[in-house]
Amino acid sequence: MLTRDERGLRTADRDRDGTTTKDKFTAFLHPEEYDHMKAVVIQETVEDGDGKITLDEYIGDMFTPENGESEPDWVLMEKKHFTEFRDTNKVH
């Protein structure tokens, strides 16, 4: 986990000044919302070593239900998009 956090913080610190600003911290917390953080999101998603992104890995980066929480409509739509369009080799 420490290596993962360090990688995210280094990437969020685009000006390499070693400081943490609100913008940098937000990019660290929500890397999926920042173009310069995409490589970190991809790296973390495929770190399990199989080189594939499963439906659970894909959705898990965006939504993790807590205490029996039901999935919002946007999650159901993302699942549909993943299985129909994004999973080009259909190995989910």
N, C-alpha and C. Protein backbone atom coordinates (compact mmCIF):
# COMPACT_ATOMS: atom_id res chain seq x y z
N MET A 1 0.82 -1.19 0.00
CA MET A 1 0.00 0.00 0.00
C MET A 1 0.87 1.26 0.00
N LEU A 2 1.96 1.25 0.73
CA LEU A 2 2.83 2.41 0.79
C LEU A 2 3.40 2.76 -0.58
N THR A 3 3.86 1.76 -1.32
CA THR A 3 4.39 1.99 -2.65
C THR A 3 3.33 2.59 -3.56
N ARG A 4 2.14 2.07 -3.45
CA ARG A 4 1.02 2.57 -4.26
C ARG A 4 0.72 4.03 -3.93
N ASP A 5 0.68 4.37 -2.64
CA ASP A 5 0.42 5.75 -2.24
C ASP A 5 1.55 6.68 -2.69
N GLU A 6 2.79 6.23 -2.54
CA GLU A 6 3.92 7.06 -2.96
C GLU A 6 3.85 7.35 -4.46
N ARG A 7 3.53 6.33 -5.25
CA ARG A 7 3.41 6.51 -6.69
C ARG A 7 2.31 7.54 -7.01
N GLY A 8 1.18 7.43 -6.33
CA GLY A 8 0.08 8.36 -6.56
C GLY A 8 0.43 9.79 -6.18
N LEU A 9 1.11 9.94 -5.05
CA LEU A 9 1.50 11.28 -4.61
C LEU A 9 2.55 11.90 -5.54
N ARG A 10 3.52 11.09 -6.00
CA ARG A 10 4.53 11.60 -6.94
C ARG A 10 3.87 12.06 -8.24
N THR A 11 2.91 11.29 -8.71
CA THR A 11 2.24 11.65 -9.96
C THR A 11 1.37 12.89 -9.78
N ALA A 12 0.70 13.00 -8.65
CA ALA A 12 -0.14 14.17 -8.37
C ALA A 12 0.69 15.45 -8.26
N ASP A 13 1.94 15.32 -7.82
CA ASP A 13 2.84 16.47 -7.65
C ASP A 13 3.52 16.78 -8.98
N ARG A 14 2.74 17.27 -9.93
CA ARG A 14 3.26 17.52 -11.28
C ARG A 14 4.39 18.53 -11.34
N ASP A 15 4.39 19.52 -10.46
CA ASP A 15 5.46 20.52 -10.51
C ASP A 15 6.70 20.09 -9.72
N ARG A 16 6.62 18.91 -9.11
CA ARG A 16 7.75 18.30 -8.39
C ARG A 16 8.37 19.20 -7.32
N ASP A 17 7.52 19.99 -6.67
CA ASP A 17 8.06 20.85 -5.63
C ASP A 17 7.96 20.22 -4.24
N GLY A 18 7.39 19.04 -4.16
CA GLY A 18 7.32 18.32 -2.89
C GLY A 18 6.26 18.81 -1.93
N THR A 19 5.46 19.76 -2.36
CA THR A 19 4.40 20.25 -1.49
C THR A 19 3.08 19.56 -1.82
N THR A 20 2.18 19.59 -0.86
CA THR A 20 0.85 19.04 -1.08
C THR A 20 -0.15 20.19 -1.01
N THR A 21 -0.79 20.44 -2.13
CA THR A 21 -1.83 21.46 -2.18
C THR A 21 -3.19 20.75 -2.24
N LYS A 22 -4.23 21.53 -2.12
CA LYS A 22 -5.58 20.97 -2.22
C LYS A 22 -5.77 20.25 -3.55
N ASP A 23 -5.32 20.87 -4.64
CA ASP A 23 -5.47 20.27 -5.97
C ASP A 23 -4.70 18.95 -6.08
N LYS A 24 -3.49 18.93 -5.57
CA LYS A 24 -2.67 17.71 -5.63
C LYS A 24 -3.30 16.60 -4.79
N PHE A 25 -3.79 16.97 -3.61
CA PHE A 25 -4.39 15.96 -2.74
C PHE A 25 -5.68 15.42 -3.35
N THR A 26 -6.45 16.29 -3.98
CA THR A 26 -7.67 15.85 -4.64
C THR A 26 -7.35 14.91 -5.79
N ALA A 27 -6.30 15.22 -6.56
CA ALA A 27 -5.89 14.33 -7.65
C ALA A 27 -5.44 12.98 -7.09
N PHE A 28 -4.77 12.98 -5.95
CA PHE A 28 -4.35 11.74 -5.30
C PHE A 28 -5.56 10.92 -4.85
N LEU A 29 -6.54 11.58 -4.26
CA LEU A 29 -7.72 10.88 -3.75
C LEU A 29 -8.66 10.41 -4.87
N HIS A 30 -8.75 11.17 -5.94
CA HIS A 30 -9.68 10.87 -7.04
C HIS A 30 -8.93 10.88 -8.38
N PRO A 31 -7.97 9.98 -8.54
CA PRO A 31 -7.14 10.01 -9.75
C PRO A 31 -7.92 9.79 -11.04
N GLU A 32 -9.05 9.12 -10.96
CA GLU A 32 -9.83 8.85 -12.16
C GLU A 32 -10.40 10.12 -12.78
N GLU A 33 -10.37 11.22 -12.05
CA GLU A 33 -10.92 12.48 -12.54
C GLU A 33 -9.86 13.40 -13.16
N TYR A 34 -8.61 12.96 -13.21
CA TYR A 34 -7.52 13.82 -13.70
C TYR A 34 -6.74 13.09 -14.79
N ASP A 35 -6.60 13.76 -15.94
CA ASP A 35 -5.88 13.15 -17.07
C ASP A 35 -4.46 12.75 -16.71
N HIS A 36 -3.76 13.59 -15.95
CA HIS A 36 -2.36 13.27 -15.64
C HIS A 36 -2.22 12.10 -14.67
N MET A 37 -3.32 11.62 -14.12
CA MET A 37 -3.29 10.50 -13.17
C MET A 37 -3.72 9.18 -13.81
N LYS A 38 -4.05 9.19 -15.09
CA LYS A 38 -4.57 7.98 -15.74
C LYS A 38 -3.62 6.79 -15.64
N ALA A 39 -2.34 7.03 -15.82
CA ALA A 39 -1.37 5.93 -15.76
C ALA A 39 -1.39 5.26 -14.38
N VAL A 40 -1.58 6.04 -13.34
CA VAL A 40 -1.64 5.48 -11.98
C VAL A 40 -2.88 4.60 -11.83
N VAL A 41 -4.01 5.07 -12.33
CA VAL A 41 -5.25 4.30 -12.25
C VAL A 41 -5.09 2.97 -12.99
N ILE A 42 -4.51 3.02 -14.16
CA ILE A 42 -4.31 1.79 -14.95
C ILE A 42 -3.36 0.85 -14.22
N GLN A 43 -2.24 1.37 -13.74
CA GLN A 43 -1.26 0.55 -13.03
C GLN A 43 -1.90 -0.15 -11.83
N GLU A 44 -2.67 0.58 -11.05
CA GLU A 44 -3.30 0.01 -9.87
C GLU A 44 -4.35 -1.03 -10.23
N THR A 45 -5.01 -0.83 -11.35
CA THR A 45 -6.06 -1.76 -11.76
C THR A 45 -5.49 -3.10 -12.20
N VAL A 46 -4.37 -3.08 -12.87
CA VAL A 46 -3.81 -4.33 -13.38
C VAL A 46 -2.70 -4.91 -12.51
N GLU A 47 -2.50 -4.38 -11.33
CA GLU A 47 -1.41 -4.84 -10.46
C GLU A 47 -1.60 -6.25 -9.93
N ASP A 48 -2.74 -6.85 -10.13
CA ASP A 48 -2.93 -8.21 -9.63
C ASP A 48 -2.11 -9.22 -10.42
N GLY A 49 -1.47 -8.77 -11.51
CA GLY A 49 -0.52 -9.60 -12.23
C GLY A 49 -1.06 -10.35 -13.42
N ASP A 50 -2.37 -10.37 -13.62
CA ASP A 50 -2.88 -11.14 -14.76
C ASP A 50 -2.97 -10.32 -16.04
N GLY A 51 -2.76 -9.01 -15.94
CA GLY A 51 -2.76 -8.15 -17.13
C GLY A 51 -4.13 -7.92 -17.73
N LYS A 52 -5.16 -8.31 -17.02
CA LYS A 52 -6.53 -8.15 -17.52
C LYS A 52 -7.33 -7.31 -16.53
N ILE A 53 -8.34 -6.65 -17.04
CA ILE A 53 -9.23 -5.88 -16.19
C ILE A 53 -10.58 -6.58 -16.16
N THR A 54 -10.97 -7.06 -15.01
CA THR A 54 -12.26 -7.72 -14.85
C THR A 54 -13.34 -6.67 -14.59
N LEU A 55 -14.57 -7.10 -14.67
CA LEU A 55 -15.68 -6.21 -14.37
C LEU A 55 -15.56 -5.69 -12.93
N ASP A 56 -15.22 -6.56 -12.00
CA ASP A 56 -15.07 -6.14 -10.60
C ASP A 56 -13.96 -5.11 -10.42
N GLU A 57 -12.83 -5.31 -11.12
CA GLU A 57 -11.74 -4.35 -11.04
C GLU A 57 -12.16 -3.01 -11.63
N TYR A 58 -12.84 -3.06 -12.75
CA TYR A 58 -13.28 -1.84 -13.43
C TYR A 58 -14.26 -1.05 -12.56
N ILE A 59 -15.27 -1.71 -12.06
CA ILE A 59 -16.27 -1.04 -11.24
C ILE A 59 -15.69 -0.66 -9.88
N GLY A 60 -14.83 -1.51 -9.34
CA GLY A 60 -14.25 -1.25 -8.02
C GLY A 60 -13.47 0.05 -7.95
N ASP A 61 -12.93 0.51 -9.07
CA ASP A 61 -12.22 1.79 -9.09
C ASP A 61 -13.18 2.97 -8.98
N MET A 62 -14.45 2.74 -9.27
CA MET A 62 -15.41 3.83 -9.26
C MET A 62 -16.44 3.73 -8.14
N PHE A 63 -16.76 2.50 -7.74
CA PHE A 63 -17.83 2.33 -6.76
C PHE A 63 -17.62 1.05 -5.97
N THR A 64 -17.66 1.17 -4.66
CA THR A 64 -17.61 0.01 -3.78
C THR A 64 -18.77 0.14 -2.79
N PRO A 65 -19.75 -0.75 -2.88
CA PRO A 65 -20.90 -0.62 -1.97
C PRO A 65 -20.50 -0.86 -0.52
N GLU A 66 -21.18 -0.18 0.37
CA GLU A 66 -20.93 -0.32 1.79
C GLU A 66 -22.19 -0.77 2.50
N ASN A 67 -22.04 -1.76 3.37
CA ASN A 67 -23.14 -2.22 4.24
C ASN A 67 -24.45 -2.46 3.50
N GLY A 68 -24.41 -3.27 2.45
CA GLY A 68 -25.62 -3.63 1.73
C GLY A 68 -26.19 -2.54 0.85
N GLU A 69 -25.42 -1.50 0.62
CA GLU A 69 -25.85 -0.39 -0.23
C GLU A 69 -26.14 -0.91 -1.64
N SER A 70 -27.25 -0.48 -2.22
CA SER A 70 -27.58 -0.93 -3.57
C SER A 70 -26.80 -0.11 -4.59
N GLU A 71 -26.65 -0.68 -5.77
CA GLU A 71 -25.90 0.00 -6.82
C GLU A 71 -26.74 1.08 -7.46
N PRO A 72 -26.18 2.27 -7.60
CA PRO A 72 -26.92 3.34 -8.29
C PRO A 72 -27.07 3.01 -9.78
N ASP A 73 -27.97 3.69 -10.43
CA ASP A 73 -28.23 3.45 -11.85
C ASP A 73 -26.99 3.60 -12.71
N TRP A 74 -26.12 4.59 -12.37
CA TRP A 74 -24.93 4.82 -13.20
C TRP A 74 -23.99 3.63 -13.15
N VAL A 75 -23.97 2.89 -12.02
CA VAL A 75 -23.12 1.70 -11.91
C VAL A 75 -23.67 0.60 -12.82
N LEU A 76 -24.97 0.42 -12.81
CA LEU A 76 -25.59 -0.57 -13.68
C LEU A 76 -25.29 -0.25 -15.15
N MET A 77 -25.33 1.03 -15.50
CA MET A 77 -25.03 1.45 -16.87
C MET A 77 -23.56 1.19 -17.20
N GLU A 78 -22.66 1.48 -16.28
CA GLU A 78 -21.23 1.23 -16.51
C GLU A 78 -20.96 -0.26 -16.68
N LYS A 79 -21.65 -1.09 -15.93
CA LYS A 79 -21.49 -2.54 -16.08
C LYS A 79 -21.93 -2.97 -17.47
N LYS A 80 -23.04 -2.42 -17.91
CA LYS A 80 -23.53 -2.75 -19.25
C LYS A 80 -22.53 -2.29 -20.31
N HIS A 81 -22.02 -1.07 -20.17
CA HIS A 81 -21.04 -0.56 -21.12
C HIS A 81 -19.78 -1.41 -21.13
N PHE A 82 -19.36 -1.84 -19.96
CA PHE A 82 -18.16 -2.67 -19.88
C PHE A 82 -18.36 -3.98 -20.64
N THR A 83 -19.47 -4.67 -20.36
CA THR A 83 -19.67 -5.98 -20.98
C THR A 83 -19.98 -5.88 -22.46
N GLU A 84 -20.63 -4.81 -22.88
CA GLU A 84 -21.02 -4.69 -24.29
C GLU A 84 -19.99 -4.00 -25.17
N PHE A 85 -19.23 -3.06 -24.62
CA PHE A 85 -18.33 -2.26 -25.45
C PHE A 85 -16.86 -2.30 -25.04
N ARG A 86 -16.59 -2.17 -23.75
CA ARG A 86 -15.21 -2.00 -23.30
C ARG A 86 -14.43 -3.30 -23.21
N ASP A 87 -15.10 -4.39 -22.88
CA ASP A 87 -14.42 -5.68 -22.76
C ASP A 87 -14.31 -6.29 -24.16
N THR A 88 -13.33 -5.81 -24.90
CA THR A 88 -13.23 -6.19 -26.31
C THR A 88 -12.91 -7.67 -26.51
N ASN A 89 -12.22 -8.29 -25.56
CA ASN A 89 -11.93 -9.73 -25.73
C ASN A 89 -12.93 -10.61 -25.00
N LYS A 90 -13.93 -10.00 -24.38
CA LYS A 90 -15.02 -10.71 -23.72
C LYS A 90 -14.56 -11.72 -22.68
N VAL A 91 -13.53 -11.37 -21.94
CA VAL A 91 -13.04 -12.22 -20.86
C VAL A 91 -13.31 -11.50 -19.55
N HIS A 92 -14.52 -11.58 -19.10
CA HIS A 92 -14.90 -10.93 -17.85
C HIS A 92 -15.42 -12.00 -16.94
